[in-house]
C-alpha atoms as a PDB file:
ATOM      1  CA  UNK A   1     123.459 119.038  53.471  1.00  0.00           C
ATOM      2  CA  UNK A   2     120.440 120.206  55.451  1.00  0.00           C
ATOM      3  CA  UNK A   3     116.880 118.892  55.560  1.00  0.00           C
ATOM      4  CA  UNK A   4     114.743 121.982  55.024  1.00  0.00           C
ATOM      5  CA  UNK A   5     111.024 122.275  55.775  1.00  0.00           C
ATOM      6  CA  UNK A   6     109.268 124.894  53.620  1.00  0.00           C
ATOM      7  CA  UNK A   7     105.966 126.090  55.110  1.00  0.00           C
ATOM      8  CA  UNK A   8     104.173 128.166  52.456  1.00  0.00           C
ATOM      9  CA  UNK A   9     100.660 128.131  50.999  1.00  0.00           C
ATOM     10  CA  UNK A  10     101.871 129.273  47.563  1.00  0.00           C
ATOM     11  CA  UNK A  11     102.781 126.378  45.247  1.00  0.00           C
ATOM     12  CA  UNK A  12     104.798 128.833  43.120  1.00  0.00           C
ATOM     13  CA  UNK A  13     106.907 130.064  46.062  1.00  0.00           C
ATOM     14  CA  UNK A  14     107.341 126.506  47.347  1.00  0.00           C
ATOM     15  CA  UNK A  15     108.551 125.428  43.888  1.00  0.00           C
ATOM     16  CA  UNK A  16     111.006 128.362  43.626  1.00  0.00           C
ATOM     17  CA  UNK A  17     112.509 127.661  47.052  1.00  0.00           C
ATOM     18  CA  UNK A  18     112.598 123.892  46.456  1.00  0.00           C
ATOM     19  CA  UNK A  19     114.451 124.390  43.160  1.00  0.00           C
ATOM     20  CA  UNK A  20     117.109 126.598  44.791  1.00  0.00           C
ATOM     21  CA  UNK A  21     117.574 124.263  47.750  1.00  0.00           C
ATOM     22  CA  UNK A  22     117.689 120.975  45.831  1.00  0.00           C
ATOM     23  CA  UNK A  23     120.077 122.453  43.247  1.00  0.00           C
ATOM     24  CA  UNK A  24     122.406 123.191  46.163  1.00  0.00           C
ATOM     25  CA  UNK A  25     122.180 119.719  47.696  1.00  0.00           C
ATOM     26  CA  UNK A  26     119.540 120.236  50.383  1.00  0.00           C
ATOM     27  CA  UNK A  27     116.671 117.800  51.019  1.00  0.00           C
ATOM     28  CA  UNK A  28     113.253 119.481  51.031  1.00  0.00           C
ATOM     29  CA  UNK A  29     110.046 118.710  52.937  1.00  0.00           C
ATOM     30  CA  UNK A  30     106.981 120.908  52.391  1.00  0.00           C
ATOM     31  CA  UNK A  31     103.834 121.892  54.259  1.00  0.00           C
ATOM     32  CA  UNK A  32     100.980 123.973  52.770  1.00  0.00           C
ATOM     33  CA  UNK A  33     100.022 125.879  55.939  1.00  0.00           C
ATOM     34  CA  UNK A  34     101.095 126.729  59.486  1.00  0.00           C
ATOM     35  CA  UNK A  35      99.138 124.006  61.234  1.00  0.00           C
ATOM     36  CA  UNK A  36     100.487 121.303  58.931  1.00  0.00           C
ATOM     37  CA  UNK A  37     103.967 122.848  59.225  1.00  0.00           C
ATOM     38  CA  UNK A  38     103.931 122.472  63.012  1.00  0.00           C
ATOM     39  CA  UNK A  39     102.888 118.807  62.687  1.00  0.00           C
ATOM     40  CA  UNK A  40     105.504 118.038  60.011  1.00  0.00           C
ATOM     41  CA  UNK A  41     108.222 119.753  62.068  1.00  0.00           C
ATOM     42  CA  UNK A  42     107.371 117.584  65.096  1.00  0.00           C
ATOM     43  CA  UNK A  43     107.309 114.370  63.031  1.00  0.00           C
ATOM     44  CA  UNK A  44     110.227 114.964  60.636  1.00  0.00           C
ATOM     45  CA  UNK A  45     112.590 117.115  62.765  1.00  0.00           C
ATOM     46  CA  UNK A  46     114.084 119.133  59.868  1.00  0.00           C
ATOM     47  CA  UNK A  47     117.417 120.942  60.302  1.00  0.00           C
ATOM     48  CA  UNK A  48     115.863 124.312  59.438  1.00  0.00           C
ATOM     49  CA  UNK A  49     112.392 125.705  58.653  1.00  0.00           C
ATOM     50  CA  UNK A  50     111.539 128.368  56.050  1.00  0.00           C
ATOM     51  CA  UNK A  51     108.264 129.935  57.236  1.00  0.00           C
ATOM     52  CA  UNK A  52     105.880 132.133  55.269  1.00  0.00           C
ATOM     53  CA  UNK A  53     103.718 134.551  57.316  1.00  0.00           C
ATOM     54  CA  UNK A  54     100.498 135.095  55.368  1.00  0.00           C
ATOM     55  CA  UNK A  55      98.686 131.736  55.309  1.00  0.00           C
ATOM     56  CA  UNK A  56      95.108 130.640  56.013  1.00  0.00           C
ATOM     57  CA  UNK A  57      94.391 129.315  59.509  1.00  0.00           C
ATOM     58  CA  UNK A  58      97.506 129.299  61.657  1.00  0.00           C
ATOM     59  CA  UNK A  59      99.723 132.077  60.274  1.00  0.00           C
ATOM     60  CA  UNK A  60     103.517 131.999  60.222  1.00  0.00           C
ATOM     61  CA  UNK A  61     103.917 134.152  63.338  1.00  0.00           C
ATOM     62  CA  UNK A  62     101.660 131.772  65.318  1.00  0.00           C
ATOM     63  CA  UNK A  63     103.363 128.651  63.927  1.00  0.00           C
ATOM     64  CA  UNK A  64     106.817 130.102  64.693  1.00  0.00           C
ATOM     65  CA  UNK A  65     105.744 130.860  68.262  1.00  0.00           C
ATOM     66  CA  UNK A  66     104.349 127.316  68.748  1.00  0.00           C
ATOM     67  CA  UNK A  67     107.512 125.677  67.398  1.00  0.00           C
ATOM     68  CA  UNK A  68     109.950 127.871  69.322  1.00  0.00           C
ATOM     69  CA  UNK A  69     108.068 127.363  72.618  1.00  0.00           C
ATOM     70  CA  UNK A  70     107.794 123.561  72.257  1.00  0.00           C
ATOM     71  CA  UNK A  71     110.686 121.619  73.794  1.00  0.00           C
ATOM     72  CA  UNK A  72     110.671 119.070  70.952  1.00  0.00           C
ATOM     73  CA  UNK A  73     111.079 121.691  68.218  1.00  0.00           C
ATOM     74  CA  UNK A  74     112.621 124.723  69.948  1.00  0.00           C
ATOM     75  CA  UNK A  75     116.107 123.809  68.704  1.00  0.00           C
ATOM     76  CA  UNK A  76     115.100 123.953  65.021  1.00  0.00           C
ATOM     77  CA  UNK A  77     116.066 127.341  63.556  1.00  0.00           C
ATOM     78  CA  UNK A  78     113.227 129.131  61.773  1.00  0.00           C
ATOM     79  CA  UNK A  79     113.840 131.581  58.939  1.00  0.00           C
ATOM     80  CA  UNK A  80     110.823 133.696  58.059  1.00  0.00           C
ATOM     81  CA  UNK A  81     110.492 134.132  54.276  1.00  0.00           C
ATOM     82  CA  UNK A  82     107.687 136.577  53.462  1.00  0.00           C
ATOM     83  CA  UNK A  83     106.498 139.512  51.379  1.00  0.00           C
ATOM     84  CA  UNK A  84     105.882 141.486  54.603  1.00  0.00           C
ATOM     85  CA  UNK A  85     108.838 143.876  54.739  1.00  0.00           C
ATOM     86  CA  UNK A  86     107.860 146.361  57.434  1.00  0.00           C
ATOM     87  CA  UNK A  87     110.262 146.783  60.371  1.00  0.00           C
ATOM     88  CA  UNK A  88     107.410 145.971  62.775  1.00  0.00           C
ATOM     89  CA  UNK A  89     106.855 142.617  61.011  1.00  0.00           C
ATOM     90  CA  UNK A  90     110.574 141.846  61.218  1.00  0.00           C
ATOM     91  CA  UNK A  91     110.744 142.694  64.932  1.00  0.00           C
ATOM     92  CA  UNK A  92     107.564 140.727  65.687  1.00  0.00           C
ATOM     93  CA  UNK A  93     108.826 137.696  63.747  1.00  0.00           C
ATOM     94  CA  UNK A  94     112.102 137.670  65.664  1.00  0.00           C
ATOM     95  CA  UNK A  95     110.198 138.021  68.959  1.00  0.00           C
ATOM     96  CA  UNK A  96     108.162 134.910  68.055  1.00  0.00           C
ATOM     97  CA  UNK A  97     111.405 132.910  67.905  1.00  0.00           C
ATOM     98  CA  UNK A  98     112.631 133.240  64.306  1.00  0.00           C
ATOM     99  CA  UNK A  99     116.432 133.299  63.882  1.00  0.00           C
ATOM    100  CA  UNK A 100     116.358 135.253  60.602  1.00  0.00           C
ATOM    101  CA  UNK A 101     113.926 137.192  58.411  1.00  0.00           C
ATOM    102  CA  UNK A 102     114.069 137.363  54.595  1.00  0.00           C
ATOM    103  CA  UNK A 103     111.703 139.120  52.218  1.00  0.00           C
ATOM    104  CA  UNK A 104     110.435 137.740  48.908  1.00  0.00           C
ATOM    105  CA  UNK A 105     111.568 137.545  46.222  1.00  0.00           C
ATOM    106  CA  UNK A 106     114.515 135.867  47.938  1.00  0.00           C
ATOM    107  CA  UNK A 107     118.004 136.159  46.483  1.00  0.00           C
ATOM    108  CA  UNK A 108     119.513 132.666  46.103  1.00  0.00           C
ATOM    109  CA  UNK A 109     122.895 133.488  47.664  1.00  0.00           C
ATOM    110  CA  UNK A 110     121.244 135.356  50.543  1.00  0.00           C
ATOM    111  CA  UNK A 111     118.920 132.402  51.209  1.00  0.00           C
ATOM    112  CA  UNK A 112     121.775 129.879  51.190  1.00  0.00           C
ATOM    113  CA  UNK A 113     123.980 132.146  53.324  1.00  0.00           C
ATOM    114  CA  UNK A 114     121.198 132.638  55.875  1.00  0.00           C
ATOM    115  CA  UNK A 115     120.586 128.874  56.123  1.00  0.00           C
ATOM    116  CA  UNK A 116     124.324 128.330  56.675  1.00  0.00           C
ATOM    117  CA  UNK A 117     124.334 131.049  59.353  1.00  0.00           C
ATOM    118  CA  UNK A 118     121.414 129.673  61.370  1.00  0.00           C
ATOM    119  CA  UNK A 119     122.830 126.150  61.214  1.00  0.00           C
ATOM    120  CA  UNK A 120     126.312 127.218  62.373  1.00  0.00           C
END
């Protein structure tokens, strides 16, 4: 199964996502903010990244842009997972390099299906 990096400043959200992913056979790596997420992605090279938007310091849009523009990490698909559900947020997230955009609370089957899609 996939190695998934969760970048989210909420321990509760990180726990929820980790539980879903591990129950379905995925390995999970976590990062508590965008800056740390960029570093972990470069070091660990996960198969896919789940990126929150609203975080202190480097936000998810900025981290997504950095990762998708960097040659070392540009091949890692990023799925934005956020409470921001405006169309403008969705469009902006995709323009930063995200391959998919999900809103919280995330449905388990939708999350797993989206991960499968971006890895295909």
